Amino acid sequence: MRKSGAVATPETDEAPEDSAEVKDEAVTETARPRETAAADAGSGVQPETEADAAPEPVAELKAAAEAAPEVAPPLPRPDVEDRENADLILDFDQLSAGGFLIPWESAHRQSEEYQQIKRRLLGNMVEGMLDNPRPKNLIMLTSAMPGEGKTFTSFNLAISIAMEMDRTVLAVDADIIKSDLTKAFGARGRPGLFDILSDDRISLSGCLLRTNVPSLSVLPAGFNEEKVTEKLASENMRALVAELAERYSDRVIIFDCPPLLASSGATALAPLVGQVVLVVEARKTPRSNIKEALGNLDSVPITGVVLNKMKEYGEGSPYYYYKYGYYRQDKP
């Protein structure tokens, strides 16, 4: 079984500072300093006006997040790493240098924030918590526009949930155009989701990749970029999603999906999952973009919103953290 080290080098320079794409780029064999990576990155989604820059739900989400109870760190795991049976070897030093969450460092502020996010999502999996019939262990992450940090959030959330004593995680790259989650896990060049949907001879089990985090596996995006939205809306996808949801009762499946305003792929997948999380770049994503993105989801409810890249330690601070809250679509 061939092993490969984790690399993460998105091939775009369009992501804003510290977005998923920039942070992925930092996880290379030669990790670059934050300042250099930020300088090389292009400008991201710009607010239309200063007043328009603050998303409408920000105040509500901040209040909800601040009211969240303190979360105790997970218990240490005895099986810290399994390199022998892994298809992908994640380099934790490089991941840490790139700003990613790494296993078993629960004292870090970022780890605490992701614990709060995952507690809400895992709590929603309890029967009766959410009023929809879809499997709650299927969680979709998307954003309004590229560069808001959805892939960075997907990766970190997968790592955080994998630290639970009674959960396993499958991270699925459903954004084949960018394939940033595939790159972050070092899985480029491997068949994946869209190849399964394109060719009946390619099996799910043949594409799943185990990492050296024993409870974390990856399904890369794959190669076939034709008719992306049609594949995500196909009966093959419905069957695959059902198989993923039912195969393991303890497994959480995280889908890193295309941005809502850049592709219709997320709109096609949303009706199949039990939880939808919208990643919003705090103080930068225009309110109009958020409203349009939510409108694209039609009747699919948003489980939560992650406010990404909130600086609350002063300018120049390296600490970025992530606030989670509920967004009520019936508000004016």
Protein backbone atom coordinates (compact mmCIF):
# COMPACT_ATOMS: atom_id res chain seq x y z
CA MET A 1 0.00 0.00 0.00
CA ARG A 2 1.65 3.23 -1.12
CA LYS A 3 2.04 6.02 1.41
CA SER A 4 2.48 9.69 0.78
CA GLY A 5 3.25 12.71 2.93
CA ALA A 6 0.76 15.49 3.45
CA VAL A 7 1.11 18.34 1.02
CA ALA A 8 -1.19 21.26 0.48
CA THR A 9 -0.44 23.59 -2.35
CA PRO A 10 -3.59 25.09 -3.87
CA GLU A 11 -2.86 26.38 -7.32
CA THR A 12 -4.69 29.67 -6.96
CA ASP A 13 -3.49 33.02 -5.65
CA GLU A 14 -6.98 34.41 -5.23
CA ALA A 15 -7.66 33.53 -1.61
CA PRO A 16 -7.66 36.24 1.06
CA GLU A 17 -5.24 36.28 3.97
CA ASP A 18 -5.32 33.15 6.13
CA SER A 19 -8.08 31.53 4.08
CA ALA A 20 -8.24 27.80 3.60
CA GLU A 21 -6.31 28.14 0.35
CA VAL A 22 -3.48 30.19 1.85
CA LYS A 23 -3.24 27.93 4.88
CA ASP A 24 -3.24 24.85 2.62
CA GLU A 25 -0.35 26.37 0.70
CA ALA A 26 1.63 26.69 3.91
CA VAL A 27 1.54 22.93 4.45
CA THR A 28 4.23 22.15 1.92
CA GLU A 29 7.58 20.52 2.33
CA THR A 30 9.03 23.98 2.87
CA ALA A 31 6.48 25.84 4.98
CA ARG A 32 6.54 29.61 4.42
CA PRO A 33 6.08 32.22 7.12
CA ARG A 34 2.60 33.67 7.58
CA GLU A 35 3.72 37.08 6.36
CA THR A 36 5.15 35.70 3.12
CA ALA A 37 2.11 33.58 2.36
CA ALA A 38 -0.19 36.50 3.03
CA ALA A 39 1.82 38.83 0.84
CA ASP A 40 1.69 36.37 -2.05
CA ALA A 41 -2.06 35.91 -1.76
CA GLY A 42 -4.40 38.01 -3.86
CA SER A 43 -7.34 39.94 -2.53
CA GLY A 44 -10.45 37.98 -1.64
CA VAL A 45 -14.13 38.85 -1.52
CA GLN A 46 -14.34 42.59 -0.88
CA PRO A 47 -17.28 44.31 0.80
CA GLU A 48 -19.39 46.51 -1.42
CA THR A 49 -19.34 49.29 1.16
CA GLU A 50 -18.09 49.64 4.68
CA ALA A 51 -21.62 49.38 6.03
CA ASP A 52 -22.31 46.32 3.89
CA ALA A 53 -19.22 44.51 5.11
CA ALA A 54 -20.69 43.27 8.39
CA PRO A 55 -22.90 40.21 7.73
CA GLU A 56 -26.39 40.56 9.12
CA PRO A 57 -26.20 37.55 11.47
CA VAL A 58 -22.81 38.48 12.98
CA ALA A 59 -24.13 40.08 16.19
CA GLU A 60 -26.55 37.23 16.82
CA LEU A 61 -23.92 34.58 16.17
CA LYS A 62 -21.35 36.25 18.43
CA ALA A 63 -23.88 36.38 21.25
CA ALA A 64 -24.84 32.73 20.76
CA ALA A 65 -21.22 31.64 20.65
CA GLU A 66 -20.25 33.61 23.75
CA ALA A 67 -23.15 31.96 25.61
CA ALA A 68 -21.94 28.47 24.70
CA PRO A 69 -20.92 26.36 27.71
CA GLU A 70 -17.30 25.57 28.45
CA VAL A 71 -16.23 22.35 26.79
CA ALA A 72 -13.81 20.01 28.47
CA PRO A 73 -10.98 18.71 26.28
CA PRO A 74 -11.36 15.14 25.02
CA LEU A 75 -9.61 12.35 26.86
CA PRO A 76 -6.17 11.41 25.49
CA ARG A 77 -6.27 8.50 23.09
CA PRO A 78 -4.03 5.47 23.47
CA ASP A 79 -3.72 5.00 19.69
CA VAL A 80 -2.04 8.32 18.95
CA GLU A 81 -0.79 7.39 15.52
CA ASP A 82 -0.91 4.40 13.21
CA ARG A 83 1.62 4.81 10.41
CA GLU A 84 1.80 1.11 9.57
CA ASN A 85 -1.76 0.81 8.26
CA ALA A 86 -2.09 4.31 6.80
CA ASP A 87 -2.46 5.17 3.12
CA LEU A 88 -1.68 8.83 3.87
CA ILE A 89 0.84 10.08 6.40
CA LEU A 90 -0.08 13.51 7.75
CA ASP A 91 2.95 15.54 8.77
CA PHE A 92 1.79 17.20 11.97
CA ASP A 93 4.76 19.58 12.11
CA GLN A 94 3.99 20.94 8.65
CA LEU A 95 0.28 21.13 9.41
CA SER A 96 0.97 23.10 12.57
CA ALA A 97 3.29 25.45 10.68
CA GLY A 98 0.48 26.07 8.20
CA GLY A 99 -1.96 27.01 10.95
CA PHE A 100 -3.97 23.81 10.84
CA LEU A 101 -5.36 22.08 13.89
CA ILE A 102 -3.36 18.99 14.79
CA PRO A 103 -4.37 16.05 16.99
CA TRP A 104 -4.03 16.01 20.73
CA GLU A 105 -3.09 19.65 21.25
CA SER A 106 -6.24 20.53 23.17
CA ALA A 107 -4.73 23.51 25.03
CA HIS A 108 -4.59 25.67 21.89
CA ARG A 109 -7.27 28.37 21.58
CA GLN A 110 -8.19 27.15 18.10
CA SER A 111 -8.76 23.65 19.44
CA GLU A 112 -11.15 25.01 22.06
CA GLU A 113 -13.15 26.86 19.43
CA TYR A 114 -13.51 23.76 17.27
CA GLN A 115 -14.60 21.79 20.30
CA GLN A 116 -17.51 24.22 20.69
CA ILE A 117 -18.42 23.86 17.02
CA LYS A 118 -18.29 20.07 17.02
CA ARG A 119 -20.29 19.80 20.26
CA ARG A 120 -23.19 21.58 18.57
CA LEU A 121 -22.97 19.38 15.49
CA LEU A 122 -22.60 16.14 17.44
CA GLY A 123 -25.45 17.19 19.71
CA ASN A 124 -27.65 17.65 16.65
CA MET A 125 -27.13 13.97 15.85
CA VAL A 126 -29.21 12.99 18.88
CA GLU A 127 -32.62 11.80 17.72
CA GLY A 128 -35.22 14.54 17.84
CA MET A 129 -32.80 17.47 18.00
CA LEU A 130 -33.35 18.53 14.39
CA ASP A 131 -36.65 18.43 12.58
CA ASN A 132 -35.60 16.84 9.31
CA PRO A 133 -35.54 13.20 8.19
CA ARG A 134 -32.06 13.25 6.65
CA PRO A 135 -29.09 11.51 8.31
CA LYS A 136 -27.56 13.96 10.80
CA ASN A 137 -24.12 12.38 10.59
CA LEU A 138 -23.79 13.83 7.08
CA ILE A 139 -22.48 17.39 7.46
CA MET A 140 -21.93 19.73 4.52
CA LEU A 141 -19.67 22.78 4.73
CA THR A 142 -19.91 25.51 2.13
CA SER A 143 -19.50 29.27 1.77
CA ALA A 144 -20.89 32.07 -0.33
CA MET A 145 -17.70 32.75 -2.27
CA PRO A 146 -14.22 31.22 -2.63
CA GLY A 147 -11.58 32.21 -0.11
CA GLU A 148 -13.74 32.34 3.02
CA GLY A 149 -12.00 29.38 4.67
CA LYS A 150 -14.46 26.51 4.17
CA THR A 151 -11.75 23.97 3.38
CA PHE A 152 -9.62 25.09 6.32
CA THR A 153 -12.70 24.75 8.54
CA SER A 154 -13.59 21.34 7.06
CA PHE A 155 -10.09 20.00 7.67
CA ASN A 156 -9.91 21.27 11.24
CA LEU A 157 -13.41 20.06 12.07
CA ALA A 158 -12.53 16.59 10.77
CA ILE A 159 -9.41 16.50 12.95
CA SER A 160 -11.34 17.72 15.99
CA ILE A 161 -14.15 15.16 15.67
CA ALA A 162 -11.60 12.40 15.05
CA MET A 163 -10.30 13.04 18.57
CA GLU A 164 -13.58 11.82 20.06
CA MET A 165 -13.35 8.47 21.81
CA ASP A 166 -16.44 7.03 20.11
CA ARG A 167 -16.42 8.62 16.65
CA THR A 168 -14.75 8.01 13.32
CA VAL A 169 -14.62 10.61 10.57
CA LEU A 170 -14.64 10.52 6.79
CA ALA A 171 -13.64 13.77 5.08
CA VAL A 172 -15.06 13.97 1.54
CA ASP A 173 -13.82 16.45 -1.05
CA ALA A 174 -16.92 17.37 -3.07
CA ASP A 175 -15.27 20.43 -4.68
CA ILE A 176 -13.37 18.87 -7.57
CA ILE A 177 -12.69 22.18 -9.33
CA LYS A 178 -10.45 23.37 -6.49
CA SER A 179 -9.80 20.05 -4.71
CA ASP A 180 -8.26 21.94 -1.79
CA LEU A 181 -9.25 19.34 0.80
CA THR A 182 -7.60 16.66 -1.32
CA LYS A 183 -4.46 18.78 -1.46
CA ALA A 184 -4.51 19.48 2.27
CA PHE A 185 -4.53 15.75 2.99
CA GLY A 186 -1.82 15.04 0.44
CA ALA A 187 -4.16 12.88 -1.67
CA ARG A 188 -3.62 14.41 -5.11
CA GLY A 189 -3.33 11.87 -7.88
CA ARG A 190 -5.72 9.41 -6.21
CA PRO A 191 -9.14 8.37 -7.57
CA GLY A 192 -12.09 9.61 -5.58
CA LEU A 193 -15.70 10.73 -5.35
CA PHE A 194 -16.28 11.91 -8.91
CA ASP A 195 -14.60 8.84 -10.38
CA ILE A 196 -16.96 6.62 -8.38
CA LEU A 197 -19.91 8.62 -9.72
CA SER A 198 -18.57 8.36 -13.29
CA ASP A 199 -17.59 4.69 -13.51
CA ASP A 200 -19.47 1.76 -11.96
CA ARG A 201 -16.24 -0.25 -11.98
CA ILE A 202 -14.69 2.05 -9.37
CA SER A 203 -15.75 1.14 -5.84
CA LEU A 204 -16.05 3.27 -2.74
CA SER A 205 -13.82 0.93 -0.74
CA GLY A 206 -11.13 1.22 -3.40
CA CYS A 207 -11.00 5.01 -3.04
CA LEU A 208 -11.15 5.44 0.74
CA LEU A 209 -7.78 6.38 2.21
CA ARG A 210 -6.82 5.80 5.81
CA THR A 211 -4.62 8.38 7.52
CA ASN A 212 -2.17 7.94 10.37
CA VAL A 213 -4.90 9.35 12.62
CA PRO A 214 -6.62 5.99 13.19
CA SER A 215 -10.18 7.34 13.27
CA LEU A 216 -9.83 9.62 10.22
CA SER A 217 -10.21 8.60 6.57
CA VAL A 218 -10.39 10.63 3.37
CA LEU A 219 -12.31 10.36 0.11
CA PRO A 220 -10.48 12.57 -2.43
CA ALA A 221 -12.27 14.47 -5.18
CA GLY A 222 -10.72 12.34 -7.93
CA PHE A 223 -10.08 13.19 -11.57
CA ASN A 224 -13.30 13.35 -13.59
CA GLU A 225 -14.41 17.00 -13.76
CA GLU A 226 -17.22 16.57 -16.29
CA LYS A 227 -20.82 17.42 -15.32
CA VAL A 228 -19.98 18.03 -11.67
CA THR A 229 -23.41 19.30 -10.59
CA GLU A 230 -25.24 16.57 -12.49
CA LYS A 231 -23.17 13.93 -10.70
CA LEU A 232 -23.85 15.41 -7.27
CA ALA A 233 -27.59 15.43 -8.09
CA SER A 234 -27.59 11.90 -9.57
CA GLU A 235 -29.13 8.69 -8.27
CA ASN A 236 -25.60 7.32 -7.96
CA MET A 237 -24.81 10.09 -5.49
CA ARG A 238 -27.99 9.40 -3.54
CA ALA A 239 -27.05 5.74 -3.27
CA LEU A 240 -23.49 6.60 -2.25
CA VAL A 241 -24.64 9.04 0.42
CA ALA A 242 -27.04 6.44 1.82
CA GLU A 243 -24.22 3.90 1.95
CA LEU A 244 -21.93 6.36 3.73
CA ALA A 245 -24.60 7.25 6.28
CA GLU A 246 -25.55 3.67 7.11
CA ARG A 247 -22.30 1.72 6.88
CA TYR A 248 -20.92 2.83 10.26
CA SER A 249 -23.18 4.18 12.99
CA ASP A 250 -20.34 6.05 14.70
CA ARG A 251 -19.01 7.72 11.56
CA VAL A 252 -19.36 11.43 10.85
CA ILE A 253 -19.05 12.34 7.16
CA ILE A 254 -17.90 15.87 6.37
CA PHE A 255 -18.41 17.14 2.82
CA ASP A 256 -16.27 20.08 1.71
CA CYS A 257 -18.51 21.53 -1.01
CA PRO A 258 -18.13 24.25 -3.67
CA PRO A 259 -19.10 27.84 -2.77
CA LEU A 260 -22.79 28.52 -3.30
CA LEU A 261 -22.30 31.54 -5.55
CA ALA A 262 -19.52 30.00 -7.63
CA SER A 263 -21.15 26.65 -8.40
CA SER A 264 -24.47 24.86 -8.09
CA GLY A 265 -22.79 21.75 -6.71
CA ALA A 266 -23.54 22.56 -3.06
CA THR A 267 -27.17 23.26 -3.93
CA ALA A 268 -27.42 19.79 -5.47
CA LEU A 269 -25.90 18.04 -2.46
CA ALA A 270 -27.64 19.99 0.33
CA PRO A 271 -30.97 18.07 0.20
CA LEU A 272 -29.11 14.81 0.85
CA VAL A 273 -27.37 15.76 4.10
CA GLY A 274 -28.69 16.28 7.61
CA GLN A 275 -26.65 19.34 8.57
CA VAL A 276 -25.47 22.33 6.54
CA VAL A 277 -22.86 24.76 7.86
CA LEU A 278 -22.13 28.06 6.12
CA VAL A 279 -18.61 29.47 6.56
CA VAL A 280 -18.55 33.28 6.50
CA GLU A 281 -15.47 35.47 6.54
CA ALA A 282 -16.13 37.87 9.39
CA ARG A 283 -16.29 41.59 8.54
CA LYS A 284 -15.48 40.95 4.91
CA THR A 285 -18.18 38.89 3.20
CA PRO A 286 -20.86 41.27 1.89
CA ARG A 287 -24.29 40.89 3.45
CA SER A 288 -25.78 40.62 -0.02
CA ASN A 289 -23.61 37.57 -0.75
CA ILE A 290 -24.81 35.84 2.40
CA LYS A 291 -28.46 36.47 1.58
CA GLU A 292 -28.02 35.26 -1.99
CA ALA A 293 -26.19 32.13 -0.82
CA LEU A 294 -28.92 31.29 1.68
CA GLY A 295 -31.53 31.88 -1.01
CA ASN A 296 -29.81 29.34 -3.25
CA LEU A 297 -30.46 26.65 -0.66
CA ASP A 298 -34.23 27.16 -0.94
CA SER A 299 -35.97 25.14 1.76
CA VAL A 300 -32.84 23.42 3.10
CA PRO A 301 -32.29 24.77 6.64
CA ILE A 302 -28.90 26.07 7.73
CA THR A 303 -27.76 24.26 10.87
CA GLY A 304 -25.14 26.83 11.77
CA VAL A 305 -22.80 29.55 10.60
CA VAL A 306 -19.08 29.65 11.34
CA LEU A 307 -17.62 33.15 11.47
CA ASN A 308 -14.11 32.62 10.21
CA LYS A 309 -11.02 34.78 10.79
CA MET A 310 -12.32 36.84 13.70
CA LYS A 311 -9.44 38.85 15.16
CA GLU A 312 -10.18 39.49 18.82
CA TYR A 313 -6.67 39.79 20.16
CA GLY A 314 -5.70 42.98 18.38
CA GLU A 315 -4.14 43.69 15.02
CA GLY A 316 -1.17 41.53 14.15
CA SER A 317 -2.14 38.76 16.54
CA PRO A 318 -1.63 35.27 15.10
CA TYR A 319 -4.74 33.98 16.86
CA TYR A 320 -7.73 33.51 14.64
CA TYR A 321 -10.79 31.76 15.89
CA TYR A 322 -14.12 30.56 14.77
CA LYS A 323 -17.53 31.39 16.18
CA TYR A 324 -20.51 29.14 15.65
CA GLY A 325 -24.17 30.01 15.97
CA TYR A 326 -27.59 29.38 14.53
CA TYR A 327 -29.05 31.50 11.76
CA ARG A 328 -32.80 31.88 11.59
CA GLN A 329 -33.85 32.27 7.98
CA ASP A 330 -37.25 33.65 8.95
CA LYS A 331 -35.72 36.88 10.26
CA PRO A 332 -36.12 39.99 8.07
